[in-house]
C-alpha cells in the first residue's frame, strides 16, 4: 500500500473525510473575474490568476475586460481560454539567437565538474 491509499483507508475508518452526500457548501470568493461575460470567482485558492491588462485585451478586447487595472483577475476557466488562444504564438521573452536560458548559443555543451582534469 502506498502513502495515499493508507491515508484514504484511515480517513474512511475515522469518518473525518469529506461527505459524499453533496452537502458541501460552495466556495464564496472575494475577487470577481475581470472578464465581463464571466461571473466566476478569481481567488487564488480556487485556481484564479492575475494577468497583465494588455495580455487580457489581446484575447477579449478592451470592451471584454471589466475595468482597466494593471493586473486583471481571471478565474480558472478564463485563464484556460486565454492559454488556448495563445498556444501557437511564440513566447515574447525568448529570442531566436540564444539558447534555452538566453545566455549561451544552443550548440554549446554544458561544463560539468567531473569532465575537468
PDB file of N, CA and C in Angstrom:
ATOM      1  N   UNK A   1       0.827  -1.181   0.000  1.00  0.00           N
ATOM      2  CA  UNK A   1       0.000   0.000   0.000  1.00  0.00           C
ATOM      3  C   UNK A   1       0.872   1.246   0.000  1.00  0.00           C
ATOM      4  N   UNK A   2       0.493   2.193  -0.803  1.00  0.00           N
ATOM      5  CA  UNK A   2       1.216   3.450  -0.858  1.00  0.00           C
ATOM      6  C   UNK A   2       0.730   4.424   0.197  1.00  0.00           C
ATOM      7  N   UNK A   3       1.369   5.565   0.248  1.00  0.00           N
ATOM      8  CA  UNK A   3       1.044   6.581   1.240  1.00  0.00           C
ATOM      9  C   UNK A   3      -0.394   7.061   1.115  1.00  0.00           C
ATOM     10  N   UNK A   4      -0.820   7.364  -0.109  1.00  0.00           N
ATOM     11  CA  UNK A   4      -2.168   7.914  -0.304  1.00  0.00           C
ATOM     12  C   UNK A   4      -3.249   6.901   0.033  1.00  0.00           C
ATOM     13  N   UNK A   5      -3.026   5.658  -0.341  1.00  0.00           N
ATOM     14  CA  UNK A   5      -4.046   4.651  -0.044  1.00  0.00           C
ATOM     15  C   UNK A   5      -4.173   4.416   1.460  1.00  0.00           C
ATOM     16  N   UNK A   6      -3.059   4.504   2.192  1.00  0.00           N
ATOM     17  CA  UNK A   6      -3.120   4.361   3.650  1.00  0.00           C
ATOM     18  C   UNK A   6      -3.925   5.502   4.270  1.00  0.00           C
ATOM     19  N   UNK A   7      -3.699   6.706   3.781  1.00  0.00           N
ATOM     20  CA  UNK A   7      -4.430   7.859   4.307  1.00  0.00           C
ATOM     21  C   UNK A   7      -5.914   7.734   4.012  1.00  0.00           C
ATOM     22  N   UNK A   8      -6.248   7.334   2.787  1.00  0.00           N
ATOM     23  CA  UNK A   8      -7.667   7.151   2.444  1.00  0.00           C
ATOM     24  C   UNK A   8      -8.318   6.095   3.316  1.00  0.00           C
ATOM     25  N   UNK A   9      -7.575   5.025   3.594  1.00  0.00           N
ATOM     26  CA  UNK A   9      -8.107   3.947   4.426  1.00  0.00           C
ATOM     27  C   UNK A   9      -8.383   4.447   5.838  1.00  0.00           C
ATOM     28  N   UNK A  10      -7.440   5.191   6.417  1.00  0.00           N
ATOM     29  CA  UNK A  10      -7.636   5.739   7.760  1.00  0.00           C
ATOM     30  C   UNK A  10      -8.769   6.755   7.789  1.00  0.00           C
ATOM     31  N   UNK A  11      -8.851   7.599   6.764  1.00  0.00           N
ATOM     32  CA  UNK A  11      -9.902   8.611   6.699  1.00  0.00           C
ATOM     33  C   UNK A  11     -11.276   7.946   6.663  1.00  0.00           C
ATOM     34  N   UNK A  12     -11.385   6.858   5.936  1.00  0.00           N
ATOM     35  CA  UNK A  12     -12.656   6.146   5.849  1.00  0.00           C
ATOM     36  C   UNK A  12     -13.049   5.528   7.171  1.00  0.00           C
ATOM     37  N   UNK A  13     -12.079   5.066   7.951  1.00  0.00           N
ATOM     38  CA  UNK A  13     -12.373   4.438   9.238  1.00  0.00           C
ATOM     39  C   UNK A  13     -12.788   5.438  10.300  1.00  0.00           C
ATOM     40  N   UNK A  14     -12.199   6.609  10.307  1.00  0.00           N
ATOM     41  CA  UNK A  14     -12.496   7.591  11.355  1.00  0.00           C
ATOM     42  C   UNK A  14     -13.705   8.446  11.038  1.00  0.00           C
ATOM     43  N   UNK A  15     -14.045   8.561   9.774  1.00  0.00           N
ATOM     44  CA  UNK A  15     -15.202   9.368   9.409  1.00  0.00           C
ATOM     45  C   UNK A  15     -14.899  10.850   9.311  1.00  0.00           C
ATOM     46  N   UNK A  16     -13.627  11.235   9.282  1.00  0.00           N
ATOM     47  CA  UNK A  16     -13.253  12.648   9.217  1.00  0.00           C
ATOM     48  C   UNK A  16     -13.152  13.162   7.788  1.00  0.00           C
ATOM     49  N   UNK A  17     -13.400  12.341   6.812  1.00  0.00           N
ATOM     50  CA  UNK A  17     -13.266  12.744   5.419  1.00  0.00           C
ATOM     51  C   UNK A  17     -14.395  13.639   4.962  1.00  0.00           C
ATOM     52  N   UNK A  18     -14.371  13.972   3.697  1.00  0.00           N
ATOM     53  CA  UNK A  18     -15.424  14.824   3.146  1.00  0.00           C
ATOM     54  C   UNK A  18     -16.708  14.024   2.991  1.00  0.00           C
ATOM     55  N   UNK A  19     -17.827  14.681   3.115  1.00  0.00           N
ATOM     56  CA  UNK A  19     -19.106  13.995   2.975  1.00  0.00           C
ATOM     57  C   UNK A  19     -19.411  13.761   1.502  1.00  0.00           C
ATOM     58  N   UNK A  20     -19.929  12.610   1.192  1.00  0.00           N
ATOM     59  CA  UNK A  20     -20.236  12.264  -0.183  1.00  0.00           C
ATOM     60  C   UNK A  20     -21.703  12.531  -0.520  1.00  0.00           C
ATOM     61  N   UNK A  21     -22.436  13.140   0.398  1.00  0.00           N
ATOM     62  CA  UNK A  21     -23.856  13.387   0.191  1.00  0.00           C
ATOM     63  C   UNK A  21     -24.116  14.625  -0.648  1.00  0.00           C
ATOM     64  N   UNK A  22     -23.099  15.409  -0.937  1.00  0.00           N
ATOM     65  CA  UNK A  22     -23.282  16.637  -1.695  1.00  0.00           C
ATOM     66  C   UNK A  22     -23.715  17.801  -0.821  1.00  0.00           C
ATOM     67  N   UNK A  23     -23.527  17.675   0.495  1.00  0.00           N
ATOM     68  CA  UNK A  23     -23.915  18.735   1.416  1.00  0.00           C
ATOM     69  C   UNK A  23     -22.862  19.829   1.533  1.00  0.00           C
ATOM     70  N   UNK A  24     -21.730  19.668   0.834  1.00  0.00           N
ATOM     71  CA  UNK A  24     -20.663  20.662   0.963  1.00  0.00           C
ATOM     72  C   UNK A  24     -21.122  21.985   0.347  1.00  0.00           C
ATOM     73  N   UNK A  25     -20.795  23.055   1.028  1.00  0.00           N
ATOM     74  CA  UNK A  25     -21.207  24.373   0.565  1.00  0.00           C
ATOM     75  C   UNK A  25     -20.260  24.876  -0.517  1.00  0.00           C
ATOM     76  N   UNK A  26     -20.753  25.694  -1.416  1.00  0.00           N
ATOM     77  CA  UNK A  26     -19.949  26.243  -2.497  1.00  0.00           C
ATOM     78  C   UNK A  26     -19.060  27.350  -1.949  1.00  0.00           C
ATOM     79  N   UNK A  27     -17.849  27.436  -2.494  1.00  0.00           N
ATOM     80  CA  UNK A  27     -16.891  28.436  -2.026  1.00  0.00           C
ATOM     81  C   UNK A  27     -17.371  29.834  -2.412  1.00  0.00           C
ATOM     82  N   UNK A  28     -17.404  30.710  -1.440  1.00  0.00           N
ATOM     83  CA  UNK A  28     -17.798  32.096  -1.666  1.00  0.00           C
ATOM     84  C   UNK A  28     -16.534  32.934  -1.710  1.00  0.00           C
ATOM     85  N   UNK A  29     -16.164  33.384  -2.890  1.00  0.00           N
ATOM     86  CA  UNK A  29     -14.910  34.102  -3.081  1.00  0.00           C
ATOM     87  C   UNK A  29     -15.003  35.569  -2.717  1.00  0.00           C
ATOM     88  N   UNK A  30     -13.867  36.243  -2.869  1.00  0.00           N
ATOM     89  CA  UNK A  30     -13.793  37.665  -2.577  1.00  0.00           C
ATOM     90  C   UNK A  30     -13.483  38.482  -3.823  1.00  0.00           C
ATOM     91  N   UNK A  31     -12.834  37.863  -4.814  1.00  0.00           N
ATOM     92  CA  UNK A  31     -12.413  38.586  -6.014  1.00  0.00           C
ATOM     93  C   UNK A  31     -13.191  38.036  -7.210  1.00  0.00           C
ATOM     94  N   UNK A  32     -13.870  38.905  -7.945  1.00  0.00           N
ATOM     95  CA  UNK A  32     -14.610  38.511  -9.153  1.00  0.00           C
ATOM     96  C   UNK A  32     -13.667  38.463 -10.351  1.00  0.00           C
ATOM     97  N   UNK A  33     -14.002  37.637 -11.314  1.00  0.00           N
ATOM     98  CA  UNK A  33     -13.237  37.554 -12.555  1.00  0.00           C
ATOM     99  C   UNK A  33     -13.363  38.888 -13.307  1.00  0.00           C
ATOM    100  N   UNK A  34     -12.290  39.323 -13.944  1.00  0.00           N
ATOM    101  CA  UNK A  34     -12.252  40.616 -14.608  1.00  0.00           C
ATOM    102  C   UNK A  34     -12.844  40.620 -16.010  1.00  0.00           C
ATOM    103  N   UNK A  35     -13.358  39.488 -16.483  1.00  0.00           N
ATOM    104  CA  UNK A  35     -13.961  39.397 -17.811  1.00  0.00           C
ATOM    105  C   UNK A  35     -15.461  39.640 -17.664  1.00  0.00           C
ATOM    106  N   UNK A  36     -16.027  40.457 -18.544  1.00  0.00           N
ATOM    107  CA  UNK A  36     -17.423  40.881 -18.404  1.00  0.00           C
ATOM    108  C   UNK A  36     -18.405  39.713 -18.504  1.00  0.00           C
ATOM    109  N   UNK A  37     -18.198  38.815 -19.473  1.00  0.00           N
ATOM    110  CA  UNK A  37     -19.145  37.709 -19.667  1.00  0.00           C
ATOM    111  C   UNK A  37     -19.086  36.679 -18.541  1.00  0.00           C
ATOM    112  N   UNK A  38     -18.035  36.677 -17.757  1.00  0.00           N
ATOM    113  CA  UNK A  38     -17.821  35.653 -16.734  1.00  0.00           C
ATOM    114  C   UNK A  38     -18.299  36.156 -15.374  1.00  0.00           C
ATOM    115  N   UNK A  39     -18.900  35.287 -14.608  1.00  0.00           N
ATOM    116  CA  UNK A  39     -19.363  35.653 -13.278  1.00  0.00           C
ATOM    117  C   UNK A  39     -18.709  34.813 -12.191  1.00  0.00           C
ATOM    118  N   UNK A  40     -17.602  34.140 -12.515  1.00  0.00           N
ATOM    119  CA  UNK A  40     -16.939  33.255 -11.556  1.00  0.00           C
ATOM    120  C   UNK A  40     -16.020  34.033 -10.619  1.00  0.00           C
ATOM    121  N   UNK A  41     -15.526  33.315  -9.618  1.00  0.00           N
ATOM    122  CA  UNK A  41     -14.585  33.888  -8.664  1.00  0.00           C
ATOM    123  C   UNK A  41     -13.168  33.679  -9.154  1.00  0.00           C
ATOM    124  N   UNK A  42     -12.292  34.640  -8.880  1.00  0.00           N
ATOM    125  CA  UNK A  42     -10.901  34.579  -9.325  1.00  0.00           C
ATOM    126  C   UNK A  42      -9.933  34.505  -8.155  1.00  0.00           C
ATOM    127  N   UNK A  43     -10.364  33.962  -7.034  1.00  0.00           N
ATOM    128  CA  UNK A  43      -9.480  33.836  -5.874  1.00  0.00           C
ATOM    129  C   UNK A  43      -8.400  32.800  -6.145  1.00  0.00           C
ATOM    130  N   UNK A  44      -7.236  33.024  -5.617  1.00  0.00           N
ATOM    131  CA  UNK A  44      -6.113  32.128  -5.835  1.00  0.00           C
ATOM    132  C   UNK A  44      -6.383  30.749  -5.228  1.00  0.00           C
ATOM    133  N   UNK A  45      -7.183  30.705  -4.204  1.00  0.00           N
ATOM    134  CA  UNK A  45      -7.492  29.451  -3.518  1.00  0.00           C
ATOM    135  C   UNK A  45      -8.190  28.454  -4.441  1.00  0.00           C
ATOM    136  N   UNK A  46      -8.936  28.949  -5.406  1.00  0.00           N
ATOM    137  CA  UNK A  46      -9.666  28.058  -6.314  1.00  0.00           C
ATOM    138  C   UNK A  46      -9.130  28.128  -7.739  1.00  0.00           C
ATOM    139  N   UNK A  47      -7.873  28.490  -7.889  1.00  0.00           N
ATOM    140  CA  UNK A  47      -7.231  28.444  -9.196  1.00  0.00           C
ATOM    141  C   UNK A  47      -7.237  29.736  -9.978  1.00  0.00           C
ATOM    142  N   UNK A  48      -7.565  30.846  -9.363  1.00  0.00           N
ATOM    143  CA  UNK A  48      -7.574  32.125 -10.053  1.00  0.00           C
ATOM    144  C   UNK A  48      -6.168  32.660 -10.285  1.00  0.00           C
ATOM    145  N   UNK A  49      -6.029  33.495 -11.285  1.00  0.00           N
ATOM    146  CA  UNK A  49      -4.737  34.096 -11.620  1.00  0.00           C
ATOM    147  C   UNK A  49      -4.921  35.586 -11.845  1.00  0.00           C
ATOM    148  N   UNK A  50      -3.812  36.306 -11.877  1.00  0.00           N
ATOM    149  CA  UNK A  50      -3.820  37.713 -12.269  1.00  0.00           C
ATOM    150  C   UNK A  50      -2.935  37.851 -13.488  1.00  0.00           C
ATOM    151  N   UNK A  51      -3.409  38.605 -14.464  1.00  0.00           N
ATOM    152  CA  UNK A  51      -2.706  38.752 -15.722  1.00  0.00           C
ATOM    153  C   UNK A  51      -2.634  40.222 -16.099  1.00  0.00           C
ATOM    154  N   UNK A  52      -1.585  40.582 -16.822  1.00  0.00           N
ATOM    155  CA  UNK A  52      -1.424  41.955 -17.276  1.00  0.00           C
ATOM    156  C   UNK A  52      -2.605  42.358 -18.158  1.00  0.00           C
ATOM    157  N   UNK A  53      -3.012  43.596 -18.041  1.00  0.00           N
ATOM    158  CA  UNK A  53      -4.168  44.112 -18.788  1.00  0.00           C
ATOM    159  C   UNK A  53      -3.982  43.944 -20.296  1.00  0.00           C
ATOM    160  N   UNK A  54      -2.790  44.223 -20.806  1.00  0.00           N
ATOM    161  CA  UNK A  54      -2.525  44.126 -22.245  1.00  0.00           C
ATOM    162  C   UNK A  54      -2.733  42.709 -22.772  1.00  0.00           C
ATOM    163  N   UNK A  55      -2.320  41.726 -22.000  1.00  0.00           N
ATOM    164  CA  UNK A  55      -2.489  40.328 -22.424  1.00  0.00           C
ATOM    165  C   UNK A  55      -3.959  39.929 -22.459  1.00  0.00           C
ATOM    166  N   UNK A  56      -4.724  40.394 -21.504  1.00  0.00           N
ATOM    167  CA  UNK A  56      -6.156  40.072 -21.484  1.00  0.00           C
ATOM    168  C   UNK A  56      -6.879  40.752 -22.645  1.00  0.00           C
ATOM    169  N   UNK A  57      -6.469  41.975 -22.996  1.00  0.00           N
ATOM    170  CA  UNK A  57      -7.097  42.711 -24.091  1.00  0.00           C
ATOM    171  C   UNK A  57      -6.824  42.026 -25.437  1.00  0.00           C
ATOM    172  N   UNK A  58      -5.690  41.353 -25.575  1.00  0.00           N
ATOM    173  CA  UNK A  58      -5.371  40.648 -26.817  1.00  0.00           C
ATOM    174  C   UNK A  58      -6.409  39.575 -27.137  1.00  0.00           C
ATOM    175  N   UNK A  59      -6.979  38.952 -26.131  1.00  0.00           N
ATOM    176  CA  UNK A  59      -7.944  37.866 -26.349  1.00  0.00           C
ATOM    177  C   UNK A  59      -9.381  38.375 -26.299  1.00  0.00           C
ATOM    178  N   UNK A  60      -9.736  39.150 -25.282  1.00  0.00           N
ATOM    179  CA  UNK A  60     -11.129  39.566 -25.101  1.00  0.00           C
ATOM    180  C   UNK A  60     -11.437  40.966 -25.622  1.00  0.00           C
ATOM    181  N   UNK A  61     -10.446  41.736 -25.944  1.00  0.00           N
ATOM    182  CA  UNK A  61     -10.674  43.102 -26.404  1.00  0.00           C
ATOM    183  C   UNK A  61     -10.885  44.039 -25.227  1.00  0.00           C
ATOM    184  N   UNK A  62     -10.772  45.324 -25.480  1.00  0.00           N
ATOM    185  CA  UNK A  62     -10.913  46.310 -24.406  1.00  0.00           C
ATOM    186  C   UNK A  62     -12.325  46.320 -23.832  1.00  0.00           C
ATOM    187  N   UNK A  63     -13.323  46.018 -24.661  1.00  0.00           N
ATOM    188  CA  UNK A  63     -14.701  46.007 -24.167  1.00  0.00           C
ATOM    189  C   UNK A  63     -15.019  44.725 -23.393  1.00  0.00           C
ATOM    190  N   UNK A  64     -14.187  43.707 -23.502  1.00  0.00           N
ATOM    191  CA  UNK A  64     -14.421  42.446 -22.802  1.00  0.00           C
ATOM    192  C   UNK A  64     -13.879  42.420 -21.393  1.00  0.00           C
ATOM    193  N   UNK A  65     -12.975  43.363 -21.083  1.00  0.00           N
ATOM    194  CA  UNK A  65     -12.387  43.425 -19.749  1.00  0.00           C
ATOM    195  C   UNK A  65     -13.166  44.464 -18.950  1.00  0.00           C
ATOM    196  N   UNK A  66     -13.540  44.116 -17.719  1.00  0.00           N
ATOM    197  CA  UNK A  66     -14.457  44.958 -16.949  1.00  0.00           C
ATOM    198  C   UNK A  66     -13.880  46.322 -16.574  1.00  0.00           C
ATOM    199  N   UNK A  67     -12.619  46.383 -16.183  1.00  0.00           N
ATOM    200  CA  UNK A  67     -12.043  47.671 -15.801  1.00  0.00           C
ATOM    201  C   UNK A  67     -10.566  47.689 -16.160  1.00  0.00           C
ATOM    202  N   UNK A  68     -10.048  48.869 -16.354  1.00  0.00           N
ATOM    203  CA  UNK A  68      -8.651  48.999 -16.728  1.00  0.00           C
ATOM    204  C   UNK A  68      -7.803  49.121 -15.466  1.00  0.00           C
ATOM    205  N   UNK A  69      -7.183  48.029 -15.111  1.00  0.00           N
ATOM    206  CA  UNK A  69      -6.262  47.978 -13.985  1.00  0.00           C
ATOM    207  C   UNK A  69      -4.956  47.371 -14.486  1.00  0.00           C
ATOM    208  N   UNK A  70      -3.930  47.472 -13.689  1.00  0.00           N
ATOM    209  CA  UNK A  70      -2.637  46.946 -14.103  1.00  0.00           C
ATOM    210  C   UNK A  70      -2.673  45.428 -14.280  1.00  0.00           C
ATOM    211  N   UNK A  71      -3.278  44.736 -13.328  1.00  0.00           N
ATOM    212  CA  UNK A  71      -3.411  43.277 -13.393  1.00  0.00           C
ATOM    213  C   UNK A  71      -4.892  42.920 -13.322  1.00  0.00           C
ATOM    214  N   UNK A  72      -5.342  42.138 -14.285  1.00  0.00           N
ATOM    215  CA  UNK A  72      -6.745  41.735 -14.360  1.00  0.00           C
ATOM    216  C   UNK A  72      -6.898  40.373 -13.678  1.00  0.00           C
ATOM    217  N   UNK A  73      -7.813  40.246 -12.718  1.00  0.00           N
ATOM    218  CA  UNK A  73      -8.031  38.938 -12.099  1.00  0.00           C
ATOM    219  C   UNK A  73      -8.806  38.024 -13.053  1.00  0.00           C
ATOM    220  N   UNK A  74      -8.354  36.776 -13.190  1.00  0.00           N
ATOM    221  CA  UNK A  74      -9.013  35.808 -14.063  1.00  0.00           C
ATOM    222  C   UNK A  74      -9.352  34.550 -13.286  1.00  0.00           C
ATOM    223  N   UNK A  75     -10.521  33.999 -13.564  1.00  0.00           N
ATOM    224  CA  UNK A  75     -10.876  32.723 -12.969  1.00  0.00           C
ATOM    225  C   UNK A  75     -10.143  31.614 -13.729  1.00  0.00           C
ATOM    226  N   UNK A  76     -10.244  30.412 -13.244  1.00  0.00           N
ATOM    227  CA  UNK A  76      -9.515  29.292 -13.842  1.00  0.00           C
ATOM    228  C   UNK A  76      -9.977  29.023 -15.273  1.00  0.00           C
ATOM    229  N   UNK A  77     -11.270  29.075 -15.526  1.00  0.00           N
ATOM    230  CA  UNK A  77     -11.771  28.789 -16.875  1.00  0.00           C
ATOM    231  C   UNK A  77     -11.369  29.865 -17.877  1.00  0.00           C
ATOM    232  N   UNK A  78     -11.381  31.130 -17.464  1.00  0.00           N
ATOM    233  CA  UNK A  78     -10.959  32.211 -18.369  1.00  0.00           C
ATOM    234  C   UNK A  78      -9.463  32.130 -18.647  1.00  0.00           C
ATOM    235  N   UNK A  79      -8.674  31.746 -17.642  1.00  0.00           N
ATOM    236  CA  UNK A  79      -7.243  31.588 -17.857  1.00  0.00           C
ATOM    237  C   UNK A  79      -6.982  30.478 -18.867  1.00  0.00           C
ATOM    238  N   UNK A  80      -7.747  29.394 -18.787  1.00  0.00           N
ATOM    239  CA  UNK A  80      -7.592  28.301 -19.754  1.00  0.00           C
ATOM    240  C   UNK A  80      -7.949  28.748 -21.162  1.00  0.00           C
ATOM    241  N   UNK A  81      -8.994  29.556 -21.285  1.00  0.00           N
ATOM    242  CA  UNK A  81      -9.361  30.086 -22.601  1.00  0.00           C
ATOM    243  C   UNK A  81      -8.228  30.929 -23.171  1.00  0.00           C
ATOM    244  N   UNK A  82      -7.645  31.790 -22.325  1.00  0.00           N
ATOM    245  CA  UNK A  82      -6.537  32.634 -22.768  1.00  0.00           C
ATOM    246  C   UNK A  82      -5.350  31.765 -23.189  1.00  0.00           C
ATOM    247  N   UNK A  83      -5.076  30.734 -22.412  1.00  0.00           N
ATOM    248  CA  UNK A  83      -3.934  29.872 -22.695  1.00  0.00           C
ATOM    249  C   UNK A  83      -4.119  29.136 -24.023  1.00  0.00           C
ATOM    250  N   UNK A  84      -5.350  28.691 -24.319  1.00  0.00           N
ATOM    251  CA  UNK A  84      -5.620  28.013 -25.589  1.00  0.00           C
ATOM    252  C   UNK A  84      -5.491  28.967 -26.765  1.00  0.00           C
ATOM    253  N   UNK A  85      -5.921  30.205 -26.589  1.00  0.00           N
ATOM    254  CA  UNK A  85      -5.811  31.194 -27.661  1.00  0.00           C
ATOM    255  C   UNK A  85      -4.354  31.504 -27.985  1.00  0.00           C
ATOM    256  N   UNK A  86      -3.511  31.532 -26.979  1.00  0.00           N
ATOM    257  CA  UNK A  86      -2.112  31.922 -27.140  1.00  0.00           C
ATOM    258  C   UNK A  86      -1.178  30.735 -27.344  1.00  0.00           C
ATOM    259  N   UNK A  87      -1.718  29.548 -27.475  1.00  0.00           N
ATOM    260  CA  UNK A  87      -0.902  28.341 -27.525  1.00  0.00           C
ATOM    261  C   UNK A  87       0.088  28.324 -28.693  1.00  0.00           C
ATOM    262  N   UNK A  88      -0.326  28.706 -29.882  1.00  0.00           N
ATOM    263  CA  UNK A  88       0.521  28.637 -31.061  1.00  0.00           C
ATOM    264  C   UNK A  88       1.498  29.778 -31.213  1.00  0.00           C
ATOM    265  N   UNK A  89       1.318  30.837 -30.478  1.00  0.00           N
ATOM    266  CA  UNK A  89       2.171  32.016 -30.624  1.00  0.00           C
ATOM    267  C   UNK A  89       3.489  31.824 -29.869  1.00  0.00           C
ATOM    268  N   UNK A  90       4.581  32.372 -30.415  1.00  0.00           N
ATOM    269  CA  UNK A  90       5.869  32.237 -29.716  1.00  0.00           C
ATOM    270  C   UNK A  90       5.899  33.075 -28.450  1.00  0.00           C
ATOM    271  N   UNK A  91       6.719  32.662 -27.535  1.00  0.00           N
ATOM    272  CA  UNK A  91       6.873  33.396 -26.284  1.00  0.00           C
ATOM    273  C   UNK A  91       7.558  34.728 -26.563  1.00  0.00           C
ATOM    274  N   UNK A  92       7.144  35.764 -25.882  1.00  0.00           N
ATOM    275  CA  UNK A  92       7.684  37.091 -26.161  1.00  0.00           C
ATOM    276  C   UNK A  92       9.059  37.314 -25.542  1.00  0.00           C
ATOM    277  N   UNK A  93       9.457  36.510 -24.562  1.00  0.00           N
ATOM    278  CA  UNK A  93      10.723  36.749 -23.883  1.00  0.00           C
ATOM    279  C   UNK A  93      11.851  35.840 -24.383  1.00  0.00           C
ATOM    280  N   UNK A  94      11.583  34.929 -25.332  1.00  0.00           N
ATOM    281  CA  UNK A  94      12.614  34.054 -25.873  1.00  0.00           C
ATOM    282  C   UNK A  94      13.107  34.636 -27.186  1.00  0.00           C
ATOM    283  N   UNK A  95      14.422  34.806 -27.296  1.00  0.00           N
ATOM    284  CA  UNK A  95      14.977  35.306 -28.544  1.00  0.00           C
ATOM    285  C   UNK A  95      15.501  34.139 -29.369  1.00  0.00           C
ATOM    286  N   UNK A  96      15.542  34.307 -30.681  1.00  0.00           N
ATOM    287  CA  UNK A  96      15.923  33.214 -31.568  1.00  0.00           C
ATOM    288  C   UNK A  96      17.415  32.945 -31.567  1.00  0.00           C
ATOM    289  N   UNK A  97      18.245  33.927 -31.275  1.00  0.00           N
ATOM    290  CA  UNK A  97      19.680  33.778 -31.374  1.00  0.00           C
ATOM    291  C   UNK A  97      20.343  33.210 -30.139  1.00  0.00           C
ATOM    292  N   UNK A  98      19.583  32.908 -29.122  1.00  0.00           N
ATOM    293  CA  UNK A  98      20.186  32.463 -27.871  1.00  0.00           C
ATOM    294  C   UNK A  98      19.662  31.092 -27.481  1.00  0.00           C
ATOM    295  N   UNK A  99      20.311  30.506 -26.506  1.00  0.00           N
ATOM    296  CA  UNK A  99      19.949  29.179 -26.031  1.00  0.00           C
ATOM    297  C   UNK A  99      18.707  29.202 -25.172  1.00  0.00           C
ATOM    298  N   UNK A 100      18.394  28.072 -24.552  1.00  0.00           N
ATOM    299  CA  UNK A 100      17.175  27.978 -23.758  1.00  0.00           C
ATOM    300  C   UNK A 100      17.168  28.896 -22.543  1.00  0.00           C
ATOM    301  N   UNK A 101      18.333  29.223 -22.025  1.00  0.00           N
ATOM    302  CA  UNK A 101      18.391  30.122 -20.870  1.00  0.00           C
ATOM    303  C   UNK A 101      18.617  31.564 -21.282  1.00  0.00           C
ATOM    304  N   UNK A 102      18.851  31.808 -22.558  1.00  0.00           N
ATOM    305  CA  UNK A 102      19.033  33.153 -23.046  1.00  0.00           C
ATOM    306  C   UNK A 102      20.437  33.685 -22.875  1.00  0.00           C
ATOM    307  N   UNK A 103      21.385  32.822 -22.478  1.00  0.00           N
ATOM    308  CA  UNK A 103      22.727  33.324 -22.230  1.00  0.00           C
ATOM    309  C   UNK A 103      23.819  32.576 -22.987  1.00  0.00           C
ATOM    310  N   UNK A 104      23.491  31.550 -23.725  1.00  0.00           N
ATOM    311  CA  UNK A 104      24.509  30.783 -24.437  1.00  0.00           C
ATOM    312  C   UNK A 104      23.957  30.334 -25.778  1.00  0.00           C
ATOM    313  N   UNK A 105      24.820  30.149 -26.769  1.00  0.00           N
ATOM    314  CA  UNK A 105      24.338  29.620 -28.050  1.00  0.00           C
ATOM    315  C   UNK A 105      23.830  28.187 -27.865  1.00  0.00           C
ATOM    316  N   UNK A 106      22.849  27.768 -28.640  1.00  0.00           N
ATOM    317  CA  UNK A 106      22.245  26.457 -28.436  1.00  0.00           C
ATOM    318  C   UNK A 106      23.188  25.288 -28.704  1.00  0.00           C
ATOM    319  N   UNK A 107      24.294  25.514 -29.427  1.00  0.00           N
ATOM    320  CA  UNK A 107      25.210  24.423 -29.740  1.00  0.00           C
ATOM    321  C   UNK A 107      26.248  24.194 -28.662  1.00  0.00           C
ATOM    322  N   UNK A 108      26.343  25.051 -27.665  1.00  0.00           N
ATOM    323  CA  UNK A 108      27.361  24.877 -26.627  1.00  0.00           C
ATOM    324  C   UNK A 108      26.973  23.740 -25.698  1.00  0.00           C
ATOM    325  N   UNK A 109      27.984  23.058 -25.176  1.00  0.00           N
ATOM    326  CA  UNK A 109      27.744  21.969 -24.237  1.00  0.00           C
ATOM    327  C   UNK A 109      28.006  22.476 -22.832  1.00  0.00           C
ATOM    328  N   UNK A 110      27.274  21.999 -21.866  1.00  0.00           N
ATOM    329  CA  UNK A 110      27.478  22.467 -20.500  1.00  0.00           C
ATOM    330  C   UNK A 110      28.806  21.952 -19.947  1.00  0.00           C
ATOM    331  N   UNK A 111      29.416  22.720 -19.097  1.00  0.00           N
ATOM    332  CA  UNK A 111      30.659  22.327 -18.456  1.00  0.00           C
ATOM    333  C   UNK A 111      30.308  21.643 -17.155  1.00  0.00           C
ATOM    334  N   UNK A 112      30.756  20.406 -17.023  1.00  0.00           N
ATOM    335  CA  UNK A 112      30.479  19.637 -15.816  1.00  0.00           C
ATOM    336  C   UNK A 112      31.762  19.488 -15.020  1.00  0.00           C
ATOM    337  N   UNK A 113      31.648  19.428 -13.735  1.00  0.00           N
ATOM    338  CA  UNK A 113      32.837  19.388 -12.884  1.00  0.00           C
ATOM    339  C   UNK A 113      33.598  18.079 -13.042  1.00  0.00           C
ATOM    340  N   UNK A 114      32.938  16.955 -13.302  1.00  0.00           N
ATOM    341  CA  UNK A 114      33.647  15.693 -13.412  1.00  0.00           C
ATOM    342  C   UNK A 114      34.316  15.525 -14.779  1.00  0.00           C
ATOM    343  N   UNK A 115      34.054  16.410 -15.761  1.00  0.00           N
ATOM    344  CA  UNK A 115      34.738  16.372 -17.045  1.00  0.00           C
ATOM    345  C   UNK A 115      36.104  17.069 -16.972  1.00  0.00           C
ATOM    346  N   UNK A 116      36.295  17.872 -15.952  1.00  0.00           N
ATOM    347  CA  UNK A 116      37.530  18.620 -15.816  1.00  0.00           C
ATOM    348  C   UNK A 116      38.645  17.716 -15.301  1.00  0.00           C
ATOM    349  N   UNK A 117      39.904  17.940 -15.741  1.00  0.00           N
ATOM    350  CA  UNK A 117      41.017  17.116 -15.232  1.00  0.00           C
ATOM    351  C   UNK A 117      41.402  17.476 -13.819  1.00  0.00           C
TER     352      UNK A 117
END
